[in-house]
Amino acid sequence: APGKERDFVAAISWSGGSTIYAETVKGRFTISRDNAKNTVFLQMNSLK
């Protein structure tokens, strides 16, 4: 954000079997990946 440090949000392993989230987004954001399409997604709900 403007004037702030870069913060971690979420991460996912290559296999997709392990995910971690920052406390501020847990329950609202979901990270996923589709290796067949070489794409990673971040679904953000209930945005503030």
All heavy atoms as atom14 arrays in JSON, in Angstrom:
{
  "sequence": "APGKERDFVAAISWSGGSTIYAETVKGRFTISRDNAKNTVFLQMNSLK",
  "atom14_mask": [
    [1, 1, 1, 1, 1, 0, 0, 0, 0, 0, 0, 0, 0, 0],
    [1, 1, 1, 1, 1, 1, 1, 0, 0, 0, 0, 0, 0, 0],
    [1, 1, 1, 1, 0, 0, 0, 0, 0, 0, 0, 0, 0, 0],
    [1, 1, 1, 1, 1, 1, 1, 1, 1, 0, 0, 0, 0, 0],
    [1, 1, 1, 1, 1, 1, 1, 1, 1, 0, 0, 0, 0, 0],
    [1, 1, 1, 1, 1, 1, 1, 1, 1, 1, 1, 0, 0, 0],
    [1, 1, 1, 1, 1, 1, 1, 1, 0, 0, 0, 0, 0, 0],
    [1, 1, 1, 1, 1, 1, 1, 1, 1, 1, 1, 0, 0, 0],
    [1, 1, 1, 1, 1, 1, 1, 0, 0, 0, 0, 0, 0, 0],
    [1, 1, 1, 1, 1, 0, 0, 0, 0, 0, 0, 0, 0, 0],
    [1, 1, 1, 1, 1, 0, 0, 0, 0, 0, 0, 0, 0, 0],
    [1, 1, 1, 1, 1, 1, 1, 1, 0, 0, 0, 0, 0, 0],
    [1, 1, 1, 1, 1, 1, 0, 0, 0, 0, 0, 0, 0, 0],
    [1, 1, 1, 1, 1, 1, 1, 1, 1, 1, 1, 1, 1, 1],
    [1, 1, 1, 1, 1, 1, 0, 0, 0, 0, 0, 0, 0, 0],
    [1, 1, 1, 1, 0, 0, 0, 0, 0, 0, 0, 0, 0, 0],
    [1, 1, 1, 1, 0, 0, 0, 0, 0, 0, 0, 0, 0, 0],
    [1, 1, 1, 1, 1, 1, 0, 0, 0, 0, 0, 0, 0, 0],
    [1, 1, 1, 1, 1, 1, 1, 0, 0, 0, 0, 0, 0, 0],
    [1, 1, 1, 1, 1, 1, 1, 1, 0, 0, 0, 0, 0, 0],
    [1, 1, 1, 1, 1, 1, 1, 1, 1, 1, 1, 1, 0, 0],
    [1, 1, 1, 1, 1, 0, 0, 0, 0, 0, 0, 0, 0, 0],
    [1, 1, 1, 1, 1, 1, 1, 1, 1, 0, 0, 0, 0, 0],
    [1, 1, 1, 1, 1, 1, 1, 0, 0, 0, 0, 0, 0, 0],
    [1, 1, 1, 1, 1, 1, 1, 0, 0, 0, 0, 0, 0, 0],
    [1, 1, 1, 1, 1, 1, 1, 1, 1, 0, 0, 0, 0, 0],
    [1, 1, 1, 1, 0, 0, 0, 0, 0, 0, 0, 0, 0, 0],
    [1, 1, 1, 1, 1, 1, 1, 1, 1, 1, 1, 0, 0, 0],
    [1, 1, 1, 1, 1, 1, 1, 1, 1, 1, 1, 0, 0, 0],
    [1, 1, 1, 1, 1, 1, 1, 0, 0, 0, 0, 0, 0, 0],
    [1, 1, 1, 1, 1, 1, 1, 1, 0, 0, 0, 0, 0, 0],
    [1, 1, 1, 1, 1, 1, 0, 0, 0, 0, 0, 0, 0, 0],
    [1, 1, 1, 1, 1, 1, 1, 1, 1, 1, 1, 0, 0, 0],
    [1, 1, 1, 1, 1, 1, 1, 1, 0, 0, 0, 0, 0, 0],
    [1, 1, 1, 1, 1, 1, 1, 1, 0, 0, 0, 0, 0, 0],
    [1, 1, 1, 1, 1, 0, 0, 0, 0, 0, 0, 0, 0, 0],
    [1, 1, 1, 1, 1, 1, 1, 1, 1, 0, 0, 0, 0, 0],
    [1, 1, 1, 1, 1, 1, 1, 1, 0, 0, 0, 0, 0, 0],
    [1, 1, 1, 1, 1, 1, 1, 0, 0, 0, 0, 0, 0, 0],
    [1, 1, 1, 1, 1, 1, 1, 0, 0, 0, 0, 0, 0, 0],
    [1, 1, 1, 1, 1, 1, 1, 1, 1, 1, 1, 0, 0, 0],
    [1, 1, 1, 1, 1, 1, 1, 1, 0, 0, 0, 0, 0, 0],
    [1, 1, 1, 1, 1, 1, 1, 1, 1, 0, 0, 0, 0, 0],
    [1, 1, 1, 1, 1, 1, 1, 1, 0, 0, 0, 0, 0, 0],
    [1, 1, 1, 1, 1, 1, 1, 1, 0, 0, 0, 0, 0, 0],
    [1, 1, 1, 1, 1, 1, 0, 0, 0, 0, 0, 0, 0, 0],
    [1, 1, 1, 1, 1, 1, 1, 1, 0, 0, 0, 0, 0, 0],
    [1, 1, 1, 1, 1, 1, 1, 1, 1, 0, 0, 0, 0, 0]
  ],
  "atom14_positions": [
    [[0.84, -1.18, 0.0], [0.0, 0.0, 0.0], [0.88, 1.24, 0.0], [2.04, 1.18, 0.41], [-0.92, -0.01, 1.22], [0.0, 0.0, 0.0], [0.0, 0.0, 0.0], [0.0, 0.0, 0.0], [0.0, 0.0, 0.0], [0.0, 0.0, 0.0], [0.0, 0.0, 0.0], [0.0, 0.0, 0.0], [0.0, 0.0, 0.0], [0.0, 0.0, 0.0]],
    [[0.36, 2.37, -0.45], [1.16, 3.6, -0.48], [1.75, 3.94, 0.89], [1.03, 3.96, 1.9], [0.15, 4.66, -0.93], [-0.84, 3.9, -1.73], [-0.98, 2.59, -1.01], [0.0, 0.0, 0.0], [0.0, 0.0, 0.0], [0.0, 0.0, 0.0], [0.0, 0.0, 0.0], [0.0, 0.0, 0.0], [0.0, 0.0, 0.0], [0.0, 0.0, 0.0]],
    [[3.04, 4.2, 0.93], [3.7, 4.58, 2.16], [3.94, 3.45, 3.14], [4.4, 3.71, 4.26], [0.0, 0.0, 0.0], [0.0, 0.0, 0.0], [0.0, 0.0, 0.0], [0.0, 0.0, 0.0], [0.0, 0.0, 0.0], [0.0, 0.0, 0.0], [0.0, 0.0, 0.0], [0.0, 0.0, 0.0], [0.0, 0.0, 0.0], [0.0, 0.0, 0.0]],
    [[3.65, 2.23, 2.75], [3.83, 1.09, 3.64], [4.8, 0.08, 3.05], [5.14, 0.12, 1.87], [2.49, 0.41, 3.93], [1.48, 1.3, 4.65], [0.21, 0.55, 4.97], [-0.78, 1.42, 5.72], [-2.03, 0.67, 6.03], [0.0, 0.0, 0.0], [0.0, 0.0, 0.0], [0.0, 0.0, 0.0], [0.0, 0.0, 0.0], [0.0, 0.0, 0.0]],
    [[5.25, -0.84, 3.9], [6.15, -1.9, 3.46], [5.39, -2.94, 2.65], [4.17, -3.07, 2.76], [6.83, -2.56, 4.65], [7.72, -1.64, 5.46], [8.38, -2.37, 6.62], [7.95, -3.48, 6.95], [9.34, -1.81, 7.18], [0.0, 0.0, 0.0], [0.0, 0.0, 0.0], [0.0, 0.0, 0.0], [0.0, 0.0, 0.0], [0.0, 0.0, 0.0]],
    [[6.14, -3.67, 1.85], [5.54, -4.77, 1.12], [5.29, -5.94, 2.08], [6.2, -6.4, 2.76], [6.47, -5.2, -0.02], [5.91, -6.32, -0.88], [6.9, -6.68, -1.97], [6.96, -5.67, -3.02], [7.81, -5.7, -4.04], [8.7, -6.68, -4.12], [7.78, -4.74, -4.96], [0.0, 0.0, 0.0], [0.0, 0.0, 0.0], [0.0, 0.0, 0.0]],
    [[4.06, -6.4, 2.12], [3.66, -7.43, 3.07], [3.28, -8.73, 2.37], [2.71, -8.73, 1.27], [2.47, -6.97, 3.91], [2.81, -5.82, 4.84], [3.96, -5.76, 5.31], [1.92, -4.98, 5.1], [0.0, 0.0, 0.0], [0.0, 0.0, 0.0], [0.0, 0.0, 0.0], [0.0, 0.0, 0.0], [0.0, 0.0, 0.0], [0.0, 0.0, 0.0]],
    [[3.54, -9.82, 3.05], [3.15, -11.13, 2.56], [1.64, -11.3, 2.66], [1.02, -10.87, 3.63], [3.85, -12.21, 3.39], [3.33, -13.59, 3.13], [3.72, -14.28, 1.99], [2.46, -14.2, 4.02], [3.25, -15.56, 1.75], [1.99, -15.47, 3.79], [2.38, -16.16, 2.65], [0.0, 0.0, 0.0], [0.0, 0.0, 0.0], [0.0, 0.0, 0.0]],
    [[1.05, -11.94, 1.65], [-0.39, -12.16, 1.62], [-0.73, -13.64, 1.7], [-1.49, -14.08, 2.57], [-1.03, -11.55, 0.36], [-2.53, -11.88, 0.31], [-0.81, -10.05, 0.32], [0.0, 0.0, 0.0], [0.0, 0.0, 0.0], [0.0, 0.0, 0.0], [0.0, 0.0, 0.0], [0.0, 0.0, 0.0], [0.0, 0.0, 0.0], [0.0, 0.0, 0.0]],
    [[-0.2, -14.43, 0.77], [-0.51, -15.85, 0.72], [0.52, -16.56, -0.14], [1.18, -15.96, -0.97], [-1.92, -16.07, 0.15], [0.0, 0.0, 0.0], [0.0, 0.0, 0.0], [0.0, 0.0, 0.0], [0.0, 0.0, 0.0], [0.0, 0.0, 0.0], [0.0, 0.0, 0.0], [0.0, 0.0, 0.0], [0.0, 0.0, 0.0], [0.0, 0.0, 0.0]],
    [[0.64, -17.87, 0.05], [1.56, -18.67, -0.74], [1.02, -20.07, -0.9], [0.24, -20.56, -0.07], [2.95, -18.7, -0.11], [0.0, 0.0, 0.0], [0.0, 0.0, 0.0], [0.0, 0.0, 0.0], [0.0, 0.0, 0.0], [0.0, 0.0, 0.0], [0.0, 0.0, 0.0], [0.0, 0.0, 0.0], [0.0, 0.0, 0.0], [0.0, 0.0, 0.0]],
    [[1.46, -20.73, -1.96], [1.04, -22.09, -2.25], [2.22, -22.88, -2.78], [3.04, -22.36, -3.54], [-0.15, -22.09, -3.25], [-0.72, -23.5, -3.42], [0.28, -21.5, -4.59], [-2.04, -23.52, -4.18], [0.0, 0.0, 0.0], [0.0, 0.0, 0.0], [0.0, 0.0, 0.0], [0.0, 0.0, 0.0], [0.0, 0.0, 0.0], [0.0, 0.0, 0.0]],
    [[2.32, -24.14, -2.39], [3.38, -25.0, -2.88], [3.14, -25.36, -4.33], [2.05, -25.16, -4.88], [3.47, -26.27, -2.03], [2.27, -27.03, -2.13], [0.0, 0.0, 0.0], [0.0, 0.0, 0.0], [0.0, 0.0, 0.0], [0.0, 0.0, 0.0], [0.0, 0.0, 0.0], [0.0, 0.0, 0.0], [0.0, 0.0, 0.0], [0.0, 0.0, 0.0]],
    [[4.16, -25.89, -4.99], [4.03, -26.27, -6.39], [2.9, -27.28, -6.59], [2.14, -27.19, -7.56], [5.35, -26.86, -6.91], [5.28, -27.25, -8.35], [5.56, -26.47, -9.43], [4.89, -28.52, -8.87], [5.37, -27.18, -10.59], [4.96, -28.44, -10.29], [4.48, -29.73, -8.29], [4.65, -29.52, -11.12], [4.17, -30.8, -9.12], [4.26, -30.68, -10.51]],
    [[2.77, -28.21, -5.68], [1.74, -29.24, -5.8], [0.35, -28.72, -5.45], [-0.65, -29.36, -5.79], [2.08, -30.42, -4.89], [1.99, -30.05, -3.53], [0.0, 0.0, 0.0], [0.0, 0.0, 0.0], [0.0, 0.0, 0.0], [0.0, 0.0, 0.0], [0.0, 0.0, 0.0], [0.0, 0.0, 0.0], [0.0, 0.0, 0.0], [0.0, 0.0, 0.0]],
    [[0.3, -27.6, -4.77], [-0.97, -27.08, -4.31], [-1.45, -27.67, -3.01], [-2.52, -27.31, -2.51], [0.0, 0.0, 0.0], [0.0, 0.0, 0.0], [0.0, 0.0, 0.0], [0.0, 0.0, 0.0], [0.0, 0.0, 0.0], [0.0, 0.0, 0.0], [0.0, 0.0, 0.0], [0.0, 0.0, 0.0], [0.0, 0.0, 0.0], [0.0, 0.0, 0.0]],
    [[-0.65, -28.55, -2.44], [-1.05, -29.25, -1.23], [-0.83, -28.48, 0.05], [-1.31, -28.9, 1.11], [0.0, 0.0, 0.0], [0.0, 0.0, 0.0], [0.0, 0.0, 0.0], [0.0, 0.0, 0.0], [0.0, 0.0, 0.0], [0.0, 0.0, 0.0], [0.0, 0.0, 0.0], [0.0, 0.0, 0.0], [0.0, 0.0, 0.0], [0.0, 0.0, 0.0]],
    [[-0.11, -27.39, -0.02], [0.19, -26.6, 1.16], [-0.04, -25.13, 0.87], [0.47, -24.6, -0.11], [1.63, -26.83, 1.61], [1.95, -26.07, 2.75], [0.0, 0.0, 0.0], [0.0, 0.0, 0.0], [0.0, 0.0, 0.0], [0.0, 0.0, 0.0], [0.0, 0.0, 0.0], [0.0, 0.0, 0.0], [0.0, 0.0, 0.0], [0.0, 0.0, 0.0]],
    [[-0.8, -24.47, 1.72], [-1.06, -23.03, 1.58], [-0.88, -22.34, 2.92], [-1.1, -22.93, 3.97], [-2.48, -22.76, 1.07], [-3.43, -23.33, 1.98], [-2.68, -23.37, -0.31], [0.0, 0.0, 0.0], [0.0, 0.0, 0.0], [0.0, 0.0, 0.0], [0.0, 0.0, 0.0], [0.0, 0.0, 0.0], [0.0, 0.0, 0.0], [0.0, 0.0, 0.0]],
    [[-0.48, -21.08, 2.87], [-0.37, -20.26, 4.06], [-0.93, -18.88, 3.74], [-0.86, -18.41, 2.6], [1.08, -20.14, 4.58], [2.02, -19.64, 3.47], [1.56, -21.47, 5.14], [3.43, -19.39, 3.94], [0.0, 0.0, 0.0], [0.0, 0.0, 0.0], [0.0, 0.0, 0.0], [0.0, 0.0, 0.0], [0.0, 0.0, 0.0], [0.0, 0.0, 0.0]],
    [[-1.47, -18.22, 4.77], [-2.09, -16.92, 4.59], [-1.69, -15.96, 5.69], [-1.47, -16.37, 6.84], [-3.61, -17.04, 4.6], [-4.19, -17.87, 3.48], [-4.4, -19.23, 3.64], [-4.53, -17.27, 2.27], [-4.93, -19.99, 2.62], [-5.07, -18.03, 1.24], [-5.26, -19.39, 1.42], [-5.79, -20.14, 0.4], [0.0, 0.0, 0.0], [0.0, 0.0, 0.0]],
    [[-1.62, -14.7, 5.34], [-1.47, -13.68, 6.36], [-2.75, -13.62, 7.18], [-3.85, -13.84, 6.66], [-1.18, -12.32, 5.72], [0.0, 0.0, 0.0], [0.0, 0.0, 0.0], [0.0, 0.0, 0.0], [0.0, 0.0, 0.0], [0.0, 0.0, 0.0], [0.0, 0.0, 0.0], [0.0, 0.0, 0.0], [0.0, 0.0, 0.0], [0.0, 0.0, 0.0]],
    [[-2.62, -13.3, 8.45], [-3.77, -13.27, 9.33], [-4.83, -12.27, 8.85], [-6.03, -12.5, 9.02], [-3.34, -12.93, 10.76], [-4.43, -13.1, 11.8], [-4.83, -14.54, 11.97], [-4.0, -15.44, 11.73], [-6.0, -14.79, 12.36], [0.0, 0.0, 0.0], [0.0, 0.0, 0.0], [0.0, 0.0, 0.0], [0.0, 0.0, 0.0], [0.0, 0.0, 0.0]],
    [[-4.39, -11.21, 8.23], [-5.31, -10.16, 7.79], [-6.23, -10.58, 6.65], [-7.25, -9.94, 6.42], [-4.53, -8.91, 7.35], [-3.53, -9.28, 6.4], [-3.86, -8.25, 8.56], [0.0, 0.0, 0.0], [0.0, 0.0, 0.0], [0.0, 0.0, 0.0], [0.0, 0.0, 0.0], [0.0, 0.0, 0.0], [0.0, 0.0, 0.0], [0.0, 0.0, 0.0]],
    [[-5.88, -11.65, 5.94], [-6.69, -12.08, 4.8], [-7.27, -13.47, 4.98], [-8.07, -13.92, 4.16], [-5.89, -12.03, 3.48], [-5.28, -10.64, 3.28], [-4.79, -13.09, 3.48], [0.0, 0.0, 0.0], [0.0, 0.0, 0.0], [0.0, 0.0, 0.0], [0.0, 0.0, 0.0], [0.0, 0.0, 0.0], [0.0, 0.0, 0.0], [0.0, 0.0, 0.0]],
    [[-6.89, -14.14, 6.04], [-7.35, -15.51, 6.28], [-8.88, -15.55, 6.37], [-9.49, -14.76, 7.08], [-6.72, -16.06, 7.55], [-6.92, -17.55, 7.77], [-6.16, -18.02, 9.01], [-4.67, -17.81, 8.86], [-3.92, -18.32, 10.04], [0.0, 0.0, 0.0], [0.0, 0.0, 0.0], [0.0, 0.0, 0.0], [0.0, 0.0, 0.0], [0.0, 0.0, 0.0]],
    [[-9.46, -16.48, 5.64], [-10.9, -16.62, 5.61], [-11.57, -15.81, 4.51], [-12.74, -16.04, 4.2], [0.0, 0.0, 0.0], [0.0, 0.0, 0.0], [0.0, 0.0, 0.0], [0.0, 0.0, 0.0], [0.0, 0.0, 0.0], [0.0, 0.0, 0.0], [0.0, 0.0, 0.0], [0.0, 0.0, 0.0], [0.0, 0.0, 0.0], [0.0, 0.0, 0.0]],
    [[-10.85, -14.86, 3.93], [-11.39, -14.03, 2.86], [-10.72, -14.31, 1.52], [-11.37, -14.25, 0.48], [-11.24, -12.55, 3.19], [-11.99, -12.12, 4.44], [-11.96, -10.6, 4.6], [-10.6, -10.09, 4.76], [-10.02, -9.21, 3.93], [-10.71, -8.73, 2.88], [-8.79, -8.79, 4.15], [0.0, 0.0, 0.0], [0.0, 0.0, 0.0], [0.0, 0.0, 0.0]],
    [[-9.43, -14.58, 1.55], [-8.66, -14.82, 0.33], [-8.36, -16.31, 0.19], [-8.14, -17.01, 1.19], [-7.34, -14.06, 0.35], [-7.47, -12.57, 0.23], [-8.69, -11.93, 0.32], [-6.33, -11.8, 0.03], [-8.8, -10.55, 0.22], [-6.41, -10.42, -0.08], [-7.64, -9.8, 0.02], [0.0, 0.0, 0.0], [0.0, 0.0, 0.0], [0.0, 0.0, 0.0]],
    [[-8.29, -16.78, -1.04], [-7.94, -18.16, -1.32], [-6.93, -18.21, -2.45], [-7.18, -17.65, -3.53], [-9.17, -19.0, -1.7], [-10.14, -18.96, -0.65], [-8.76, -20.45, -1.94], [0.0, 0.0, 0.0], [0.0, 0.0, 0.0], [0.0, 0.0, 0.0], [0.0, 0.0, 0.0], [0.0, 0.0, 0.0], [0.0, 0.0, 0.0], [0.0, 0.0, 0.0]],
    [[-5.82, -18.87, -2.23], [-4.81, -19.02, -3.26], [-4.92, -20.42, -3.85], [-5.18, -21.39, -3.14], [-3.39, -18.75, -2.71], [-2.36, -18.72, -3.86], [-3.0, -19.78, -1.66], [-0.99, -18.22, -3.42], [0.0, 0.0, 0.0], [0.0, 0.0, 0.0], [0.0, 0.0, 0.0], [0.0, 0.0, 0.0], [0.0, 0.0, 0.0], [0.0, 0.0, 0.0]],
    [[-4.75, -20.52, -5.15], [-4.81, -21.8, -5.84], [-3.92, -21.75, -7.07], [-3.43, -20.68, -7.45], [-6.25, -22.14, -6.23], [-6.77, -21.19, -7.14], [0.0, 0.0, 0.0], [0.0, 0.0, 0.0], [0.0, 0.0, 0.0], [0.0, 0.0, 0.0], [0.0, 0.0, 0.0], [0.0, 0.0, 0.0], [0.0, 0.0, 0.0], [0.0, 0.0, 0.0]],
    [[-3.71, -22.9, -7.68], [-2.9, -22.92, -8.89], [-3.36, -24.02, -9.83], [-3.93, -25.03, -9.41], [-1.41, -23.07, -8.55], [-1.01, -24.43, -8.01], [0.42, -24.39, -7.49], [1.34, -23.88, -8.49], [2.51, -23.29, -8.21], [2.9, -23.14, -6.95], [3.29, -22.85, -9.19], [0.0, 0.0, 0.0], [0.0, 0.0, 0.0], [0.0, 0.0, 0.0]],
    [[-3.1, -23.81, -11.1], [-3.39, -24.78, -12.14], [-2.1, -24.96, -12.92], [-1.78, -24.16, -13.8], [-4.52, -24.3, -13.04], [-4.94, -25.34, -14.06], [-4.17, -26.28, -14.32], [-6.06, -25.22, -14.61], [0.0, 0.0, 0.0], [0.0, 0.0, 0.0], [0.0, 0.0, 0.0], [0.0, 0.0, 0.0], [0.0, 0.0, 0.0], [0.0, 0.0, 0.0]],
    [[-1.35, -25.99, -12.58], [-0.05, -26.18, -13.21], [-0.15, -26.5, -14.7], [0.77, -26.21, -15.46], [0.72, -27.29, -12.49], [1.23, -26.85, -11.14], [1.36, -25.66, -10.87], [1.53, -27.81, -10.27], [0.0, 0.0, 0.0], [0.0, 0.0, 0.0], [0.0, 0.0, 0.0], [0.0, 0.0, 0.0], [0.0, 0.0, 0.0], [0.0, 0.0, 0.0]],
    [[-1.25, -27.1, -15.12], [-1.45, -27.38, -16.53], [-1.52, -26.09, -17.34], [-1.16, -26.06, -18.51], [-2.71, -28.21, -16.75], [0.0, 0.0, 0.0], [0.0, 0.0, 0.0], [0.0, 0.0, 0.0], [0.0, 0.0, 0.0], [0.0, 0.0, 0.0], [0.0, 0.0, 0.0], [0.0, 0.0, 0.0], [0.0, 0.0, 0.0], [0.0, 0.0, 0.0]],
    [[-1.98, -25.02, -16.71], [-2.08, -23.73, -17.37], [-1.0, -22.76, -16.92], [-0.98, -21.6, -17.34], [-3.46, -23.11, -17.11], [-4.61, -23.92, -17.67], [-5.94, -23.24, -17.39], [-7.09, -24.03, -17.97], [-8.4, -23.38, -17.71], [0.0, 0.0, 0.0], [0.0, 0.0, 0.0], [0.0, 0.0, 0.0], [0.0, 0.0, 0.0], [0.0, 0.0, 0.0]],
    [[-0.11, -23.24, -16.06], [0.97, -22.4, -15.53], [0.44, -21.1, -14.96], [0.96, -20.02, -15.24], [2.02, -22.13, -16.61], [2.76, -23.37, -17.04], [3.09, -24.22, -16.21], [3.02, -23.49, -18.33], [0.0, 0.0, 0.0], [0.0, 0.0, 0.0], [0.0, 0.0, 0.0], [0.0, 0.0, 0.0], [0.0, 0.0, 0.0], [0.0, 0.0, 0.0]],
    [[-0.59, -21.21, -14.15], [-1.24, -20.03, -13.61], [-1.54, -20.2, -12.13], [-1.94, -21.28, -11.68], [-2.56, -19.74, -14.36], [-2.28, -19.61, -15.76], [-3.18, -18.46, -13.86], [0.0, 0.0, 0.0], [0.0, 0.0, 0.0], [0.0, 0.0, 0.0], [0.0, 0.0, 0.0], [0.0, 0.0, 0.0], [0.0, 0.0, 0.0], [0.0, 0.0, 0.0]],
    [[-1.32, -19.13, -11.38], [-1.65, -19.08, -9.96], [-2.73, -18.03, -9.77], [-2.7, -16.97, -10.4], [-0.41, -18.75, -9.12], [-0.77, -18.68, -7.64], [0.68, -19.79, -9.33], [0.0, 0.0, 0.0], [0.0, 0.0, 0.0], [0.0, 0.0, 0.0], [0.0, 0.0, 0.0], [0.0, 0.0, 0.0], [0.0, 0.0, 0.0], [0.0, 0.0, 0.0]],
    [[-3.68, -18.3, -8.89], [-4.8, -17.4, -8.67], [-4.86, -16.93, -7.23], [-4.41, -17.61, -6.31], [-6.12, -18.1, -9.0], [-6.17, -18.68, -10.38], [-5.9, -20.02, -10.59], [-6.5, -17.89, -11.47], [-5.95, -20.57, -11.86], [-6.55, -18.42, -12.75], [-6.28, -19.75, -12.95], [0.0, 0.0, 0.0], [0.0, 0.0, 0.0], [0.0, 0.0, 0.0]],
    [[-5.44, -15.77, -7.05], [-5.76, -15.28, -5.72], [-7.19, -14.79, -5.75], [-7.48, -13.73, -6.32], [-4.82, -14.15, -5.29], [-5.04, -13.63, -3.87], [-4.68, -14.71, -2.85], [-4.23, -12.36, -3.62], [0.0, 0.0, 0.0], [0.0, 0.0, 0.0], [0.0, 0.0, 0.0], [0.0, 0.0, 0.0], [0.0, 0.0, 0.0], [0.0, 0.0, 0.0]],
    [[-8.09, -15.57, -5.17], [-9.49, -15.19, -5.08], [-9.67, -14.34, -3.84], [-9.39, -14.79, -2.73], [-10.38, -16.43, -5.0], [-11.86, -16.13, -4.86], [-12.45, -15.45, -6.08], [-12.18, -15.86, -7.2], [-13.23, -14.41, -5.85], [0.0, 0.0, 0.0], [0.0, 0.0, 0.0], [0.0, 0.0, 0.0], [0.0, 0.0, 0.0], [0.0, 0.0, 0.0]],
    [[-10.14, -13.12, -4.02], [-10.29, -12.18, -2.93], [-11.77, -11.87, -2.74], [-12.41, -11.3, -3.62], [-9.5, -10.9, -3.2], [-8.03, -11.14, -3.49], [-7.09, -9.6, -3.7], [-7.83, -8.99, -5.21], [0.0, 0.0, 0.0], [0.0, 0.0, 0.0], [0.0, 0.0, 0.0], [0.0, 0.0, 0.0], [0.0, 0.0, 0.0], [0.0, 0.0, 0.0]],
    [[-12.3, -12.24, -1.6], [-13.7, -11.99, -1.27], [-13.8, -11.0, -0.11], [-12.84, -10.79, 0.63], [-14.4, -13.3, -0.9], [-14.43, -14.3, -2.02], [-14.51, -13.93, -3.19], [-14.4, -15.58, -1.67], [0.0, 0.0, 0.0], [0.0, 0.0, 0.0], [0.0, 0.0, 0.0], [0.0, 0.0, 0.0], [0.0, 0.0, 0.0], [0.0, 0.0, 0.0]],
    [[-14.97, -10.42, 0.04], [-15.23, -9.48, 1.13], [-14.14, -8.43, 1.23], [-13.59, -8.16, 2.3], [-15.37, -10.23, 2.46], [-16.42, -11.17, 2.41], [0.0, 0.0, 0.0], [0.0, 0.0, 0.0], [0.0, 0.0, 0.0], [0.0, 0.0, 0.0], [0.0, 0.0, 0.0], [0.0, 0.0, 0.0], [0.0, 0.0, 0.0], [0.0, 0.0, 0.0]],
    [[-13.82, -7.83, 0.12], [-12.73, -6.87, 0.07], [-13.02, -5.64, 0.93], [-14.16, -5.19, 1.03], [-12.46, -6.45, -1.37], [-11.7, -7.49, -2.2], [-11.83, -7.18, -3.68], [-10.23, -7.51, -1.78], [0.0, 0.0, 0.0], [0.0, 0.0, 0.0], [0.0, 0.0, 0.0], [0.0, 0.0, 0.0], [0.0, 0.0, 0.0], [0.0, 0.0, 0.0]],
    [[-11.97, -5.13, 1.53], [-12.04, -3.97, 2.4], [-11.16, -2.86, 1.83], [-10.22, -3.13, 1.09], [-11.55, -4.32, 3.81], [-12.23, -5.5, 4.45], [-11.56, -5.85, 5.77], [-12.21, -7.05, 6.42], [-11.54, -7.4, 7.7], [0.0, 0.0, 0.0], [0.0, 0.0, 0.0], [0.0, 0.0, 0.0], [0.0, 0.0, 0.0], [0.0, 0.0, 0.0]]
  ]
}
